[in-house]
Amino acid sequence: MAPGCQRIVLAILVAISLALDSCVSSAEAGLLQGEGATGVKGKKQEPEENCNVYEGSWAYDTSYPLYDPSACPFVRKEFDCFKYGRPDRLYLKYRWQPNGCDLPRFDAQGFLTRFQGKKIMYIGDSLSLNNWQSLICLLHAGAPNSSISQETEGSISTVTFQDYGVSVMLFHSLYMVDIEVESIGRVLKLDSLKNGGLWKDMDVLIFNTWQWWYRRGDKQQWDYIQEGDRTYRDMDRMVAFRKALMTWAKWVDSDVDTIKTRVFFQGISPSHYK
């Protein structure tokens, strides 16, 4: 999974970078003109505010991938696809090409310098885990001599690039809203977000949730659903998902300083476990 996330992570990094600094010069952004290393002719450079980086297509690039997952110490063993015999690697050779401009090649040291002293946190399920691992691998491959510390405390895993003071964190959360163990069992609380106190002071927050909402039987992580003072054995899962998202959105509006903290919510990922 981790190598396949390189493209997703790079797209997110583009969005983060554009959101954090809308005044980047063309030189800083590294927009390309003329012939690039891949032999693909650069598109006409447009002012950044006029370029929609989300409109484009995947372009074959012989210089990719940007890191070798087998050589990255942060990839969990079960996500090392090549170790377990995945035969195809062509999918790693593609990068995102917007229609109206060129994106810079990812510069790990430039990224770390730009984000010096900042904290980036992913909150979610395995999609967040994969993206977290891939970003760390991108930074490790591009800045191999940087001193790195790693720490896990409760639900939070943190990798810090100490030379830059940049921390990339993962908070494992399947539903974003709270699950509490009570006398009746595990209760999914659609209107409670107590962990928000651990999240709100980050510089970048990247959320996702979806895959676990429709799981049943042994894979269901709760026994009851609660909203307000009403407790249910179950409810329409889409309704429950929508209520949880409303709780999250209200928390962002009321508790997060969005001038300091950039907030992203990732779309739904395809099923990726058998």
Protein backbone atom coordinates (compact mmCIF):
# COMPACT_ATOMS: atom_id res chain seq x y z
CA MET A 1 0.00 0.00 0.00
CA ALA A 2 2.64 2.55 0.94
CA PRO A 3 4.25 2.92 -2.51
CA GLY A 4 0.86 3.34 -4.13
CA CYS A 5 0.17 6.22 -1.78
CA GLN A 6 3.06 8.31 -3.11
CA ARG A 7 0.82 9.93 -5.71
CA ILE A 8 -1.95 10.67 -3.18
CA VAL A 9 0.52 12.11 -0.70
CA LEU A 10 2.12 14.34 -3.33
CA ALA A 11 -1.30 15.69 -4.34
CA ILE A 12 -2.06 16.47 -0.69
CA LEU A 13 1.33 18.14 -0.25
CA VAL A 14 0.62 20.36 -3.24
CA ALA A 15 -2.67 21.41 -1.68
CA ILE A 16 -1.04 22.02 1.71
CA SER A 17 1.76 24.06 0.22
CA LEU A 18 -0.59 26.21 -1.83
CA ALA A 19 -2.86 26.75 1.15
CA LEU A 20 -0.07 27.67 3.54
CA ASP A 21 1.60 30.12 1.21
CA SER A 22 -0.40 31.76 -1.54
CA CYS A 23 2.42 34.22 -2.23
CA VAL A 24 5.07 31.79 -3.47
CA SER A 25 7.06 33.16 -6.38
CA SER A 26 7.45 31.20 -9.61
CA ALA A 27 11.07 30.49 -8.73
CA GLU A 28 10.13 29.16 -5.30
CA ALA A 29 7.37 27.01 -6.73
CA GLY A 30 9.79 25.55 -9.25
CA LEU A 31 7.40 25.78 -12.17
CA LEU A 32 9.06 24.29 -15.20
CA GLN A 33 9.53 25.64 -18.67
CA GLY A 34 11.04 23.94 -21.71
CA GLU A 35 12.25 20.35 -21.62
CA GLY A 36 12.24 18.57 -18.26
CA ALA A 37 14.22 15.57 -17.07
CA THR A 38 11.52 13.24 -18.33
CA GLY A 39 11.49 14.61 -21.87
CA VAL A 40 7.96 15.92 -21.40
CA LYS A 41 7.69 19.47 -22.63
CA GLY A 42 6.61 21.85 -19.89
CA LYS A 43 3.28 23.59 -20.20
CA LYS A 44 2.92 27.33 -20.37
CA GLN A 45 3.46 28.76 -16.93
CA GLU A 46 0.42 30.50 -15.51
CA PRO A 47 0.06 32.61 -12.37
CA GLU A 48 -0.47 30.27 -9.45
CA GLU A 49 -3.88 31.67 -8.57
CA ASN A 50 -5.13 30.80 -12.07
CA CYS A 51 -3.92 27.20 -12.04
CA ASN A 52 -6.33 24.57 -10.76
CA VAL A 53 -3.96 21.79 -9.67
CA TYR A 54 -6.90 19.39 -9.29
CA GLU A 55 -7.67 19.39 -13.03
CA GLY A 56 -5.24 17.25 -14.98
CA SER A 57 -4.15 13.69 -15.67
CA TRP A 58 -1.48 11.15 -14.72
CA ALA A 59 1.73 11.47 -16.75
CA TYR A 60 4.36 8.76 -17.16
CA ASP A 61 7.71 9.81 -15.63
CA THR A 62 10.79 7.59 -15.82
CA SER A 63 12.37 9.30 -12.80
CA TYR A 64 9.70 7.98 -10.44
CA PRO A 65 9.17 6.61 -7.79
CA LEU A 66 10.62 9.13 -5.36
CA TYR A 67 11.49 6.50 -2.76
CA ASP A 68 12.04 2.76 -2.49
CA PRO A 69 9.52 1.37 0.03
CA SER A 70 11.77 -1.60 0.77
CA ALA A 71 14.52 0.79 1.88
CA CYS A 72 12.28 2.99 4.02
CA PRO A 73 12.40 2.00 7.71
CA PHE A 74 8.97 3.49 8.39
CA VAL A 75 6.93 1.21 6.11
CA ARG A 76 5.10 -1.47 8.07
CA LYS A 77 5.96 -4.94 6.84
CA GLU A 78 2.46 -5.75 5.61
CA PHE A 79 2.55 -2.71 3.33
CA ASP A 80 5.80 -3.68 1.59
CA CYS A 81 4.05 -4.93 -1.54
CA PHE A 82 7.19 -6.02 -3.38
CA LYS A 83 8.41 -8.14 -0.49
CA TYR A 84 5.26 -10.23 -0.81
CA GLY A 85 5.50 -10.65 -4.55
CA ARG A 86 3.56 -7.87 -6.25
CA PRO A 87 4.83 -8.26 -9.84
CA ASP A 88 3.88 -4.93 -11.42
CA ARG A 89 5.66 -1.65 -10.76
CA LEU A 90 4.55 0.45 -13.71
CA TYR A 91 1.96 2.26 -11.58
CA LEU A 92 4.79 3.86 -9.59
CA LYS A 93 6.03 5.69 -12.69
CA TYR A 94 3.21 8.20 -12.87
CA ARG A 95 2.99 11.74 -11.51
CA TRP A 96 0.13 14.22 -11.49
CA GLN A 97 0.18 16.75 -14.34
CA PRO A 98 -2.25 19.70 -14.03
CA ASN A 99 -3.71 20.99 -17.27
CA GLY A 100 -2.68 24.61 -16.82
CA CYS A 101 0.79 24.52 -15.27
CA ASP A 102 3.63 22.29 -14.11
CA LEU A 103 4.17 21.14 -10.56
CA PRO A 104 7.62 21.18 -8.98
CA ARG A 105 9.30 17.89 -8.25
CA PHE A 106 8.98 17.16 -4.56
CA ASP A 107 11.89 18.70 -2.66
CA ALA A 108 12.18 17.09 0.78
CA GLN A 109 14.76 19.51 2.15
CA GLY A 110 12.82 22.47 0.80
CA PHE A 111 9.65 21.10 2.38
CA LEU A 112 11.35 20.59 5.74
CA THR A 113 12.83 24.08 5.63
CA ARG A 114 9.49 25.62 4.77
CA PHE A 115 7.70 23.71 7.53
CA GLN A 116 10.42 24.27 10.12
CA GLY A 117 9.05 24.08 13.65
CA LYS A 118 5.61 22.89 12.50
CA LYS A 119 3.46 19.87 13.31
CA ILE A 120 1.53 17.91 10.70
CA MET A 121 -1.02 15.37 11.91
CA TYR A 122 -3.02 12.72 10.07
CA ILE A 123 -6.20 11.57 11.84
CA GLY A 124 -8.00 8.53 10.48
CA ASP A 125 -7.83 4.86 9.54
CA SER A 126 -5.49 2.92 7.24
CA LEU A 127 -5.70 5.60 4.52
CA SER A 128 -4.18 8.07 6.98
CA LEU A 129 -1.66 5.44 8.07
CA ASN A 130 -0.53 4.86 4.49
CA ASN A 131 -0.28 8.57 3.74
CA TRP A 132 1.63 9.20 6.97
CA GLN A 133 4.13 6.45 6.15
CA SER A 134 4.55 7.68 2.59
CA LEU A 135 5.18 11.30 3.58
CA ILE A 136 7.81 10.20 6.11
CA CYS A 137 9.46 8.01 3.46
CA LEU A 138 9.49 10.91 0.98
CA LEU A 139 11.17 13.15 3.55
CA HIS A 140 13.60 10.45 4.69
CA ALA A 141 14.65 9.68 1.10
CA GLY A 142 15.19 13.36 0.30
CA ALA A 143 16.95 14.24 3.56
CA PRO A 144 18.71 10.99 4.55
CA ASN A 145 21.22 12.69 6.84
CA SER A 146 18.62 14.41 8.98
CA SER A 147 18.47 13.28 12.60
CA ILE A 148 15.15 11.52 13.23
CA SER A 149 13.32 10.53 16.41
CA GLN A 150 10.32 8.23 16.64
CA GLU A 151 7.79 7.99 19.46
CA THR A 152 4.47 6.27 20.10
CA GLU A 153 2.24 7.34 22.97
CA GLY A 154 -1.30 6.00 23.13
CA SER A 155 -3.00 6.57 19.78
CA ILE A 156 -0.37 9.05 18.58
CA SER A 157 2.72 8.05 16.59
CA THR A 158 5.25 10.81 15.92
CA VAL A 159 8.29 11.01 13.67
CA THR A 160 10.33 14.20 14.12
CA PHE A 161 13.01 15.48 11.78
CA GLN A 162 15.04 17.06 14.54
CA ASP A 163 17.32 19.23 12.40
CA TYR A 164 14.21 21.09 11.24
CA GLY A 165 11.86 20.64 14.19
CA VAL A 166 9.23 19.17 11.86
CA SER A 167 6.94 16.53 13.38
CA VAL A 168 4.74 14.28 11.24
CA MET A 169 2.13 12.61 13.42
CA LEU A 170 -0.56 9.95 13.13
CA PHE A 171 -3.62 9.70 15.37
CA HIS A 172 -5.33 6.38 14.75
CA SER A 173 -9.10 6.90 14.69
CA LEU A 174 -11.57 4.79 12.73
CA TYR A 175 -14.63 7.04 13.12
CA MET A 176 -13.15 10.41 14.25
CA VAL A 177 -15.89 10.68 16.87
CA ASP A 178 -15.48 8.93 20.24
CA ILE A 179 -15.95 5.31 21.24
CA GLU A 180 -16.29 4.83 25.00
CA VAL A 181 -16.50 1.56 26.92
CA GLU A 182 -19.48 1.63 29.29
CA SER A 183 -21.40 -0.99 31.26
CA ILE A 184 -23.48 -1.91 28.20
CA GLY A 185 -20.43 -2.25 25.96
CA ARG A 186 -18.61 -0.10 23.40
CA VAL A 187 -20.61 3.02 22.60
CA LEU A 188 -20.05 5.05 19.42
CA LYS A 189 -20.89 8.64 20.39
CA LEU A 190 -21.89 10.58 17.31
CA ASP A 191 -21.85 13.97 19.04
CA SER A 192 -18.64 13.63 21.07
CA LEU A 193 -15.12 14.56 19.95
CA LYS A 194 -13.02 14.57 23.11
CA ASN A 195 -9.78 13.87 21.25
CA GLY A 196 -10.11 17.22 19.54
CA GLY A 197 -8.09 18.77 22.35
CA LEU A 198 -5.08 16.79 21.13
CA TRP A 199 -5.55 17.89 17.53
CA LYS A 200 -6.47 21.56 17.49
CA ASP A 201 -3.00 23.06 18.05
CA MET A 202 -1.40 21.36 15.04
CA ASP A 203 -0.29 23.43 12.05
CA VAL A 204 -1.80 21.03 9.50
CA LEU A 205 -4.63 18.54 10.11
CA ILE A 206 -5.53 15.88 7.53
CA PHE A 207 -8.63 13.80 8.34
CA ASN A 208 -10.29 10.77 6.85
CA THR A 209 -12.99 8.28 7.80
CA TRP A 210 -15.35 5.99 5.89
CA GLN A 211 -14.29 2.36 5.49
CA TRP A 212 -15.34 1.25 8.97
CA TRP A 213 -18.82 2.74 9.01
CA TYR A 214 -20.46 -0.13 7.10
CA ARG A 215 -18.57 -2.98 8.74
CA ARG A 216 -20.57 -5.48 10.75
CA GLY A 217 -20.02 -8.59 12.83
CA ASP A 218 -16.53 -9.11 14.20
CA LYS A 219 -15.21 -6.10 12.27
CA GLN A 220 -17.68 -3.68 13.83
CA GLN A 221 -15.83 -1.75 16.52
CA TRP A 222 -18.85 -0.70 18.61
CA ASP A 223 -21.92 -2.31 20.23
CA TYR A 224 -24.25 0.69 20.50
CA ILE A 225 -24.68 4.13 18.95
CA GLN A 226 -25.46 7.17 21.07
CA GLU A 227 -26.59 10.66 20.13
CA GLY A 228 -27.43 13.02 22.96
CA ASP A 229 -29.27 11.01 25.63
CA ARG A 230 -30.61 8.42 23.17
CA THR A 231 -28.91 5.07 22.64
CA TYR A 232 -29.52 2.82 19.64
CA ARG A 233 -28.63 -0.74 18.77
CA ASP A 234 -28.00 0.46 15.22
CA MET A 235 -29.14 3.03 12.68
CA ASP A 236 -28.78 3.74 8.98
CA ARG A 237 -25.00 3.85 8.60
CA MET A 238 -25.06 6.76 6.17
CA VAL A 239 -27.15 8.75 8.64
CA ALA A 240 -24.68 7.93 11.41
CA PHE A 241 -21.75 8.90 9.17
CA ARG A 242 -23.41 12.22 8.31
CA LYS A 243 -24.08 13.00 11.99
CA ALA A 244 -20.45 12.26 12.88
CA LEU A 245 -19.22 14.53 10.08
CA MET A 246 -21.47 17.32 11.34
CA THR A 247 -19.95 16.92 14.81
CA TRP A 248 -16.47 17.13 13.28
CA ALA A 249 -17.37 20.16 11.14
CA LYS A 250 -18.85 22.02 14.12
CA TRP A 251 -15.68 21.25 16.10
CA VAL A 252 -13.51 22.69 13.33
CA ASP A 253 -15.65 25.85 13.24
CA SER A 254 -15.68 26.34 17.01
CA ASP A 255 -12.31 25.02 18.24
CA VAL A 256 -9.75 25.29 15.44
CA ASP A 257 -7.97 28.53 14.62
CA THR A 258 -8.07 28.13 10.86
CA ILE A 259 -5.78 31.13 10.38
CA LYS A 260 -3.01 29.17 12.11
CA THR A 261 -4.12 25.62 11.28
CA ARG A 262 -4.95 24.30 7.81
CA VAL A 263 -7.60 21.56 7.80
CA PHE A 264 -8.06 18.96 5.05
CA PHE A 265 -10.59 16.13 4.75
CA GLN A 266 -9.66 13.33 2.38
CA GLY A 267 -12.22 11.69 0.16
CA ILE A 268 -13.34 8.09 0.40
CA SER A 269 -10.72 5.46 -0.35
CA PRO A 270 -11.48 2.20 -2.18
CA SER A 271 -11.56 -1.03 -0.21
CA HIS A 272 -8.00 -2.29 0.19
CA TYR A 273 -8.15 -5.25 2.57
CA LYS A 274 -9.21 -8.78 1.71
